[in-house]
Amino acid sequence: MENIIYPMLVSTLASEDCFEQGIDCLTLFLYYNSERGVNKQLWKLFHQIVQAVMVEQGENGGSFEKFPGIGLAIQNYISRDP
């Protein structure tokens, strides 16, 4: 399933217009796909999210307020694949 959803998530997380929806989809996918942990392909998206947070922090200083779902996505990464 990851092979199907991964390209879509990459493109939504790369777009400012769709970033929030991409985070929401990723959060739900990580939460409900917890049986096998997080595969390496989805861990690549984690770095993309962290980079988006760092860029936003540098420019405006508040990406967690702008995209509250980022915290949930990061929490799911940590809790689903410790």
PDB file of N, CA and C in Angstrom:
ATOM      1  N   MET A   1       0.818  -1.197   0.000  1.00  0.00           N
ATOM      2  CA  MET A   1       0.000   0.000   0.000  1.00  0.00           C
ATOM      3  C   MET A   1       0.864   1.265   0.000  1.00  0.00           C
ATOM      4  N   GLU A   2       2.008   1.192   0.678  1.00  0.00           N
ATOM      5  CA  GLU A   2       2.883   2.364   0.730  1.00  0.00           C
ATOM      6  C   GLU A   2       3.338   2.793  -0.659  1.00  0.00           C
ATOM      7  N   ASN A   3       3.569   1.822  -1.534  1.00  0.00           N
ATOM      8  CA  ASN A   3       4.023   2.142  -2.893  1.00  0.00           C
ATOM      9  C   ASN A   3       2.977   2.924  -3.673  1.00  0.00           C
ATOM     10  N   ILE A   4       1.722   2.724  -3.343  1.00  0.00           N
ATOM     11  CA  ILE A   4       0.644   3.426  -4.037  1.00  0.00           C
ATOM     12  C   ILE A   4       0.482   4.845  -3.499  1.00  0.00           C
ATOM     13  N   ILE A   5       0.538   4.997  -2.196  1.00  0.00           N
ATOM     14  CA  ILE A   5       0.250   6.284  -1.581  1.00  0.00           C
ATOM     15  C   ILE A   5       1.468   7.212  -1.526  1.00  0.00           C
ATOM     16  N   TYR A   6       2.666   6.649  -1.573  1.00  0.00           N
ATOM     17  CA  TYR A   6       3.883   7.448  -1.422  1.00  0.00           C
ATOM     18  C   TYR A   6       4.008   8.580  -2.450  1.00  0.00           C
ATOM     19  N   PRO A   7       3.889   8.335  -3.755  1.00  0.00           N
ATOM     20  CA  PRO A   7       4.034   9.436  -4.719  1.00  0.00           C
ATOM     21  C   PRO A   7       3.017  10.556  -4.504  1.00  0.00           C
ATOM     22  N   MET A   8       1.816  10.191  -4.109  1.00  0.00           N
ATOM     23  CA  MET A   8       0.789  11.195  -3.850  1.00  0.00           C
ATOM     24  C   MET A   8       1.168  12.050  -2.639  1.00  0.00           C
ATOM     25  N   LEU A   9       1.683  11.407  -1.593  1.00  0.00           N
ATOM     26  CA  LEU A   9       2.085  12.147  -0.405  1.00  0.00           C
ATOM     27  C   LEU A   9       3.272  13.059  -0.692  1.00  0.00           C
ATOM     28  N   VAL A  10       4.209  12.596  -1.493  1.00  0.00           N
ATOM     29  CA  VAL A  10       5.365  13.426  -1.850  1.00  0.00           C
ATOM     30  C   VAL A  10       4.904  14.703  -2.545  1.00  0.00           C
ATOM     31  N   SER A  11       3.992  14.566  -3.480  1.00  0.00           N
ATOM     32  CA  SER A  11       3.547  15.750  -4.222  1.00  0.00           C
ATOM     33  C   SER A  11       2.696  16.683  -3.364  1.00  0.00           C
ATOM     34  N   THR A  12       1.861  16.141  -2.486  1.00  0.00           N
ATOM     35  CA  THR A  12       1.046  17.027  -1.647  1.00  0.00           C
ATOM     36  C   THR A  12       1.898  17.733  -0.594  1.00  0.00           C
ATOM     37  N   LEU A  13       2.909  17.063  -0.073  1.00  0.00           N
ATOM     38  CA  LEU A  13       3.762  17.697   0.930  1.00  0.00           C
ATOM     39  C   LEU A  13       4.739  18.693   0.312  1.00  0.00           C
ATOM     40  N   ALA A  14       4.938  18.616  -0.993  1.00  0.00           N
ATOM     41  CA  ALA A  14       5.809  19.563  -1.681  1.00  0.00           C
ATOM     42  C   ALA A  14       5.060  20.833  -2.082  1.00  0.00           C
ATOM     43  N   SER A  15       3.754  20.794  -2.034  1.00  0.00           N
ATOM     44  CA  SER A  15       2.932  21.931  -2.448  1.00  0.00           C
ATOM     45  C   SER A  15       2.432  22.696  -1.223  1.00  0.00           C
ATOM     46  N   GLU A  16       2.592  24.007  -1.251  1.00  0.00           N
ATOM     47  CA  GLU A  16       2.083  24.822  -0.139  1.00  0.00           C
ATOM     48  C   GLU A  16       0.564  24.757  -0.053  1.00  0.00           C
ATOM     49  N   ASP A  17      -0.081  24.656  -1.196  1.00  0.00           N
ATOM     50  CA  ASP A  17      -1.540  24.648  -1.226  1.00  0.00           C
ATOM     51  C   ASP A  17      -2.133  23.371  -0.649  1.00  0.00           C
ATOM     52  N   CYS A  18      -1.416  22.267  -0.768  1.00  0.00           N
ATOM     53  CA  CYS A  18      -1.941  20.964  -0.337  1.00  0.00           C
ATOM     54  C   CYS A  18      -1.225  20.386   0.872  1.00  0.00           C
ATOM     55  N   PHE A  19      -0.314  21.136   1.471  1.00  0.00           N
ATOM     56  CA  PHE A  19       0.520  20.596   2.542  1.00  0.00           C
ATOM     57  C   PHE A  19      -0.314  20.088   3.714  1.00  0.00           C
ATOM     58  N   GLU A  20      -1.276  20.853   4.128  1.00  0.00           N
ATOM     59  CA  GLU A  20      -2.100  20.459   5.281  1.00  0.00           C
ATOM     60  C   GLU A  20      -2.881  19.174   5.002  1.00  0.00           C
ATOM     61  N   GLN A  21      -3.432  19.033   3.805  1.00  0.00           N
ATOM     62  CA  GLN A  21      -4.142  17.810   3.448  1.00  0.00           C
ATOM     63  C   GLN A  21      -3.188  16.621   3.380  1.00  0.00           C
ATOM     64  N   GLY A  22      -1.980  16.849   2.890  1.00  0.00           N
ATOM     65  CA  GLY A  22      -0.984  15.789   2.847  1.00  0.00           C
ATOM     66  C   GLY A  22      -0.602  15.312   4.240  1.00  0.00           C
ATOM     67  N   ILE A  23      -0.455  16.258   5.166  1.00  0.00           N
ATOM     68  CA  ILE A  23      -0.146  15.913   6.564  1.00  0.00           C
ATOM     69  C   ILE A  23      -1.291  15.103   7.159  1.00  0.00           C
ATOM     70  N   ASP A  24      -2.517  15.516   6.892  1.00  0.00           N
ATOM     71  CA  ASP A  24      -3.679  14.781   7.413  1.00  0.00           C
ATOM     72  C   ASP A  24      -3.710  13.347   6.893  1.00  0.00           C
ATOM     73  N   CYS A  25      -3.484  13.171   5.600  1.00  0.00           N
ATOM     74  CA  CYS A  25      -3.471  11.821   5.015  1.00  0.00           C
ATOM     75  C   CYS A  25      -2.345  10.978   5.597  1.00  0.00           C
ATOM     76  N   LEU A  26      -1.169  11.567   5.719  1.00  0.00           N
ATOM     77  CA  LEU A  26      -0.033  10.843   6.273  1.00  0.00           C
ATOM     78  C   LEU A  26      -0.285  10.441   7.721  1.00  0.00           C
ATOM     79  N   THR A  27      -0.853  11.342   8.505  1.00  0.00           N
ATOM     80  CA  THR A  27      -1.154  11.052   9.907  1.00  0.00           C
ATOM     81  C   THR A  27      -2.105   9.867  10.028  1.00  0.00           C
ATOM     82  N   LEU A  28      -3.162   9.868   9.240  1.00  0.00           N
ATOM     83  CA  LEU A  28      -4.119   8.764   9.279  1.00  0.00           C
ATOM     84  C   LEU A  28      -3.491   7.467   8.788  1.00  0.00           C
ATOM     85  N   PHE A  29      -2.708   7.550   7.740  1.00  0.00           N
ATOM     86  CA  PHE A  29      -2.074   6.353   7.208  1.00  0.00           C
ATOM     87  C   PHE A  29      -1.114   5.740   8.223  1.00  0.00           C
ATOM     88  N   LEU A  30      -0.316   6.578   8.865  1.00  0.00           N
ATOM     89  CA  LEU A  30       0.618   6.072   9.873  1.00  0.00           C
ATOM     90  C   LEU A  30      -0.120   5.462  11.058  1.00  0.00           C
ATOM     91  N   TYR A  31      -1.215   6.072  11.444  1.00  0.00           N
ATOM     92  CA  TYR A  31      -1.965   5.588  12.608  1.00  0.00           C
ATOM     93  C   TYR A  31      -2.600   4.226  12.334  1.00  0.00           C
ATOM     94  N   TYR A  32      -3.231   4.092  11.187  1.00  0.00           N
ATOM     95  CA  TYR A  32      -3.960   2.853  10.894  1.00  0.00           C
ATOM     96  C   TYR A  32      -3.091   1.767  10.255  1.00  0.00           C
ATOM     97  N   ASN A  33      -1.889   2.087   9.868  1.00  0.00           N
ATOM     98  CA  ASN A  33      -0.989   1.116   9.265  1.00  0.00           C
ATOM     99  C   ASN A  33       0.134   0.779  10.251  1.00  0.00           C
ATOM    100  N   SER A  34      -0.226   0.573  11.490  1.00  0.00           N
ATOM    101  CA  SER A  34       0.771   0.439  12.543  1.00  0.00           C
ATOM    102  C   SER A  34       1.262  -0.983  12.764  1.00  0.00           C
ATOM    103  N   GLU A  35       0.664  -1.958  12.115  1.00  0.00           N
ATOM    104  CA  GLU A  35       1.017  -3.354  12.368  1.00  0.00           C
ATOM    105  C   GLU A  35       2.460  -3.657  11.998  1.00  0.00           C
ATOM    106  N   ARG A  36       2.916  -3.100  10.910  1.00  0.00           N
ATOM    107  CA  ARG A  36       4.258  -3.411  10.412  1.00  0.00           C
ATOM    108  C   ARG A  36       5.273  -2.325  10.729  1.00  0.00           C
ATOM    109  N   GLY A  37       4.881  -1.311  11.414  1.00  0.00           N
ATOM    110  CA  GLY A  37       5.779  -0.182  11.634  1.00  0.00           C
ATOM    111  C   GLY A  37       5.802   0.730  10.420  1.00  0.00           C
ATOM    112  N   VAL A  38       6.735   1.639  10.407  1.00  0.00           N
ATOM    113  CA  VAL A  38       6.854   2.606   9.318  1.00  0.00           C
ATOM    114  C   VAL A  38       7.990   2.149   8.408  1.00  0.00           C
ATOM    115  N   ASN A  39       7.693   2.012   7.129  1.00  0.00           N
ATOM    116  CA  ASN A  39       8.740   1.549   6.218  1.00  0.00           C
ATOM    117  C   ASN A  39       9.696   2.695   5.856  1.00  0.00           C
ATOM    118  N   LYS A  40      10.796   2.345   5.233  1.00  0.00           N
ATOM    119  CA  LYS A  40      11.847   3.319   4.925  1.00  0.00           C
ATOM    120  C   LYS A  40      11.370   4.404   3.974  1.00  0.00           C
ATOM    121  N   GLN A  41      10.480   4.033   3.084  1.00  0.00           N
ATOM    122  CA  GLN A  41       9.973   5.005   2.123  1.00  0.00           C
ATOM    123  C   GLN A  41       9.206   6.123   2.839  1.00  0.00           C
ATOM    124  N   LEU A  42       8.380   5.754   3.818  1.00  0.00           N
ATOM    125  CA  LEU A  42       7.623   6.768   4.547  1.00  0.00           C
ATOM    126  C   LEU A  42       8.512   7.581   5.485  1.00  0.00           C
ATOM    127  N   TRP A  43       9.631   7.007   5.923  1.00  0.00           N
ATOM    128  CA  TRP A  43      10.563   7.774   6.744  1.00  0.00           C
ATOM    129  C   TRP A  43      11.182   8.913   5.940  1.00  0.00           C
ATOM    130  N   LYS A  44      11.259   8.783   4.626  1.00  0.00           N
ATOM    131  CA  LYS A  44      11.761   9.875   3.789  1.00  0.00           C
ATOM    132  C   LYS A  44      10.849  11.094   3.888  1.00  0.00           C
ATOM    133  N   LEU A  45       9.555  10.849   4.062  1.00  0.00           N
ATOM    134  CA  LEU A  45       8.610  11.959   4.210  1.00  0.00           C
ATOM    135  C   LEU A  45       8.810  12.686   5.535  1.00  0.00           C
ATOM    136  N   PHE A  46       9.273  11.974   6.537  1.00  0.00           N
ATOM    137  CA  PHE A  46       9.545  12.602   7.833  1.00  0.00           C
ATOM    138  C   PHE A  46      10.571  13.723   7.659  1.00  0.00           C
ATOM    139  N   HIS A  47      11.600  13.463   6.886  1.00  0.00           N
ATOM    140  CA  HIS A  47      12.618  14.484   6.650  1.00  0.00           C
ATOM    141  C   HIS A  47      12.046  15.671   5.872  1.00  0.00           C
ATOM    142  N   GLN A  48      11.133  15.399   4.971  1.00  0.00           N
ATOM    143  CA  GLN A  48      10.478  16.465   4.219  1.00  0.00           C
ATOM    144  C   GLN A  48       9.628  17.333   5.151  1.00  0.00           C
ATOM    145  N   ILE A  49       8.963  16.718   6.115  1.00  0.00           N
ATOM    146  CA  ILE A  49       8.139  17.453   7.077  1.00  0.00           C
ATOM    147  C   ILE A  49       9.019  18.302   7.982  1.00  0.00           C
ATOM    148  N   VAL A  50      10.095  17.717   8.484  1.00  0.00           N
ATOM    149  CA  VAL A  50      11.002  18.459   9.361  1.00  0.00           C
ATOM    150  C   VAL A  50      11.602  19.650   8.620  1.00  0.00           C
ATOM    151  N   GLN A  51      11.966  19.451   7.367  1.00  0.00           N
ATOM    152  CA  GLN A  51      12.508  20.553   6.585  1.00  0.00           C
ATOM    153  C   GLN A  51      11.468  21.662   6.407  1.00  0.00           C
ATOM    154  N   ALA A  52      10.221  21.296   6.167  1.00  0.00           N
ATOM    155  CA  ALA A  52       9.155  22.300   6.029  1.00  0.00           C
ATOM    156  C   ALA A  52       8.975  23.081   7.322  1.00  0.00           C
ATOM    157  N   VAL A  53       9.072  22.398   8.454  1.00  0.00           N
ATOM    158  CA  VAL A  53       8.950  23.070   9.746  1.00  0.00           C
ATOM    159  C   VAL A  53      10.101  24.044   9.942  1.00  0.00           C
ATOM    160  N   MET A  54      11.306  23.613   9.617  1.00  0.00           N
ATOM    161  CA  MET A  54      12.476  24.469   9.802  1.00  0.00           C
ATOM    162  C   MET A  54      12.411  25.703   8.908  1.00  0.00           C
ATOM    163  N   VAL A  55      11.984  25.535   7.669  1.00  0.00           N
ATOM    164  CA  VAL A  55      11.863  26.677   6.763  1.00  0.00           C
ATOM    165  C   VAL A  55      10.813  27.645   7.280  1.00  0.00           C
ATOM    166  N   GLU A  56       9.679  27.114   7.715  1.00  0.00           N
ATOM    167  CA  GLU A  56       8.592  27.952   8.221  1.00  0.00           C
ATOM    168  C   GLU A  56       9.003  28.655   9.511  1.00  0.00           C
ATOM    169  N   GLN A  57       9.715  27.970  10.371  1.00  0.00           N
ATOM    170  CA  GLN A  57      10.192  28.570  11.613  1.00  0.00           C
ATOM    171  C   GLN A  57      11.109  29.745  11.307  1.00  0.00           C
ATOM    172  N   GLY A  58      11.982  29.570  10.319  1.00  0.00           N
ATOM    173  CA  GLY A  58      12.917  30.631   9.955  1.00  0.00           C
ATOM    174  C   GLY A  58      12.228  31.833   9.353  1.00  0.00           C
ATOM    175  N   GLU A  59      11.171  31.595   8.584  1.00  0.00           N
ATOM    176  CA  GLU A  59      10.489  32.699   7.907  1.00  0.00           C
ATOM    177  C   GLU A  59       9.477  33.389   8.820  1.00  0.00           C
ATOM    178  N   ASN A  60       8.617  32.600   9.467  1.00  0.00           N
ATOM    179  CA  ASN A  60       7.515  33.177  10.228  1.00  0.00           C
ATOM    180  C   ASN A  60       7.528  32.814  11.706  1.00  0.00           C
ATOM    181  N   GLY A  61       8.268  31.780  12.064  1.00  0.00           N
ATOM    182  CA  GLY A  61       8.359  31.402  13.464  1.00  0.00           C
ATOM    183  C   GLY A  61       7.135  30.718  14.022  1.00  0.00           C
ATOM    184  N   GLY A  62       6.354  29.984  13.221  1.00  0.00           N
ATOM    185  CA  GLY A  62       5.177  29.360  13.798  1.00  0.00           C
ATOM    186  C   GLY A  62       4.489  28.326  12.943  1.00  0.00           C
ATOM    187  N   SER A  63       5.201  27.353  12.435  1.00  0.00           N
ATOM    188  CA  SER A  63       4.552  26.385  11.554  1.00  0.00           C
ATOM    189  C   SER A  63       3.641  25.435  12.307  1.00  0.00           C
ATOM    190  N   PHE A  64       3.896  25.207  13.617  1.00  0.00           N
ATOM    191  CA  PHE A  64       3.003  24.331  14.367  1.00  0.00           C
ATOM    192  C   PHE A  64       1.637  24.983  14.538  1.00  0.00           C
ATOM    193  N   GLU A  65       1.598  26.294  14.600  1.00  0.00           N
ATOM    194  CA  GLU A  65       0.314  26.980  14.641  1.00  0.00           C
ATOM    195  C   GLU A  65      -0.341  26.970  13.271  1.00  0.00           C
ATOM    196  N   LYS A  66       0.472  27.074  12.237  1.00  0.00           N
ATOM    197  CA  LYS A  66      -0.054  27.099  10.877  1.00  0.00           C
ATOM    198  C   LYS A  66      -0.588  25.735  10.465  1.00  0.00           C
ATOM    199  N   PHE A  67       0.126  24.679  10.828  1.00  0.00           N
ATOM    200  CA  PHE A  67      -0.265  23.318  10.476  1.00  0.00           C
ATOM    201  C   PHE A  67      -0.283  22.459  11.739  1.00  0.00           C
ATOM    202  N   PRO A  68      -1.364  22.475  12.489  1.00  0.00           N
ATOM    203  CA  PRO A  68      -1.387  21.715  13.751  1.00  0.00           C
ATOM    204  C   PRO A  68      -1.242  20.210  13.567  1.00  0.00           C
ATOM    205  N   GLY A  69      -1.508  19.681  12.380  1.00  0.00           N
ATOM    206  CA  GLY A  69      -1.387  18.258  12.133  1.00  0.00           C
ATOM    207  C   GLY A  69       0.046  17.753  12.108  1.00  0.00           C
ATOM    208  N   ILE A  70       1.009  18.657  12.007  1.00  0.00           N
ATOM    209  CA  ILE A  70       2.408  18.241  11.979  1.00  0.00           C
ATOM    210  C   ILE A  70       2.769  17.514  13.264  1.00  0.00           C
ATOM    211  N   GLY A  71       2.310  18.020  14.388  1.00  0.00           N
ATOM    212  CA  GLY A  71       2.593  17.377  15.669  1.00  0.00           C
ATOM    213  C   GLY A  71       2.037  15.967  15.738  1.00  0.00           C
ATOM    214  N   LEU A  72       0.839  15.765  15.218  1.00  0.00           N
ATOM    215  CA  LEU A  72       0.239  14.426  15.208  1.00  0.00           C
ATOM    216  C   LEU A  72       0.999  13.475  14.293  1.00  0.00           C
ATOM    217  N   ALA A  73       1.431  13.970  13.147  1.00  0.00           N
ATOM    218  CA  ALA A  73       2.196  13.123  12.226  1.00  0.00           C
ATOM    219  C   ALA A  73       3.502  12.684  12.877  1.00  0.00           C
ATOM    220  N   ILE A  74       4.200  13.612  13.505  1.00  0.00           N
ATOM    221  CA  ILE A  74       5.462  13.278  14.168  1.00  0.00           C
ATOM    222  C   ILE A  74       5.222  12.309  15.316  1.00  0.00           C
ATOM    223  N   GLN A  75       4.155  12.526  16.057  1.00  0.00           N
ATOM    224  CA  GLN A  75       3.815  11.610  17.153  1.00  0.00           C
ATOM    225  C   GLN A  75       3.549  10.198  16.625  1.00  0.00           C
ATOM    226  N   ASN A  76       2.861  10.082  15.504  1.00  0.00           N
ATOM    227  CA  ASN A  76       2.589   8.765  14.920  1.00  0.00           C
ATOM    228  C   ASN A  76       3.866   8.095  14.422  1.00  0.00           C
ATOM    229  N   TYR A  77       4.778   8.868  13.860  1.00  0.00           N
ATOM    230  CA  TYR A  77       6.061   8.282  13.464  1.00  0.00           C
ATOM    231  C   TYR A  77       6.748   7.666  14.686  1.00  0.00           C
ATOM    232  N   ILE A  78       6.798   8.413  15.751  1.00  0.00           N
ATOM    233  CA  ILE A  78       7.520   7.956  16.946  1.00  0.00           C
ATOM    234  C   ILE A  78       6.817   6.789  17.609  1.00  0.00           C
ATOM    235  N   SER A  79       5.509   6.863  17.747  1.00  0.00           N
ATOM    236  CA  SER A  79       4.792   5.815  18.471  1.00  0.00           C
ATOM    237  C   SER A  79       4.614   4.531  17.648  1.00  0.00           C
ATOM    238  N   ARG A  80       4.580   4.639  16.335  1.00  0.00           N
ATOM    239  CA  ARG A  80       4.352   3.468  15.500  1.00  0.00           C
ATOM    240  C   ARG A  80       5.626   2.729  15.130  1.00  0.00           C
ATOM    241  N   ASP A  81       6.739   3.406  15.231  1.00  0.00           N
ATOM    242  CA  ASP A  81       8.011   2.772  14.872  1.00  0.00           C
ATOM    243  C   ASP A  81       9.111   3.267  15.806  1.00  0.00           C
ATOM    244  N   PRO A  82       9.042   2.851  17.071  1.00  0.00           N
ATOM    245  CA  PRO A  82      10.005   3.382  18.070  1.00  0.00           C
ATOM    246  C   PRO A  82      11.433   2.938  17.832  1.00  0.00           C
TER     247      PRO A  82
END
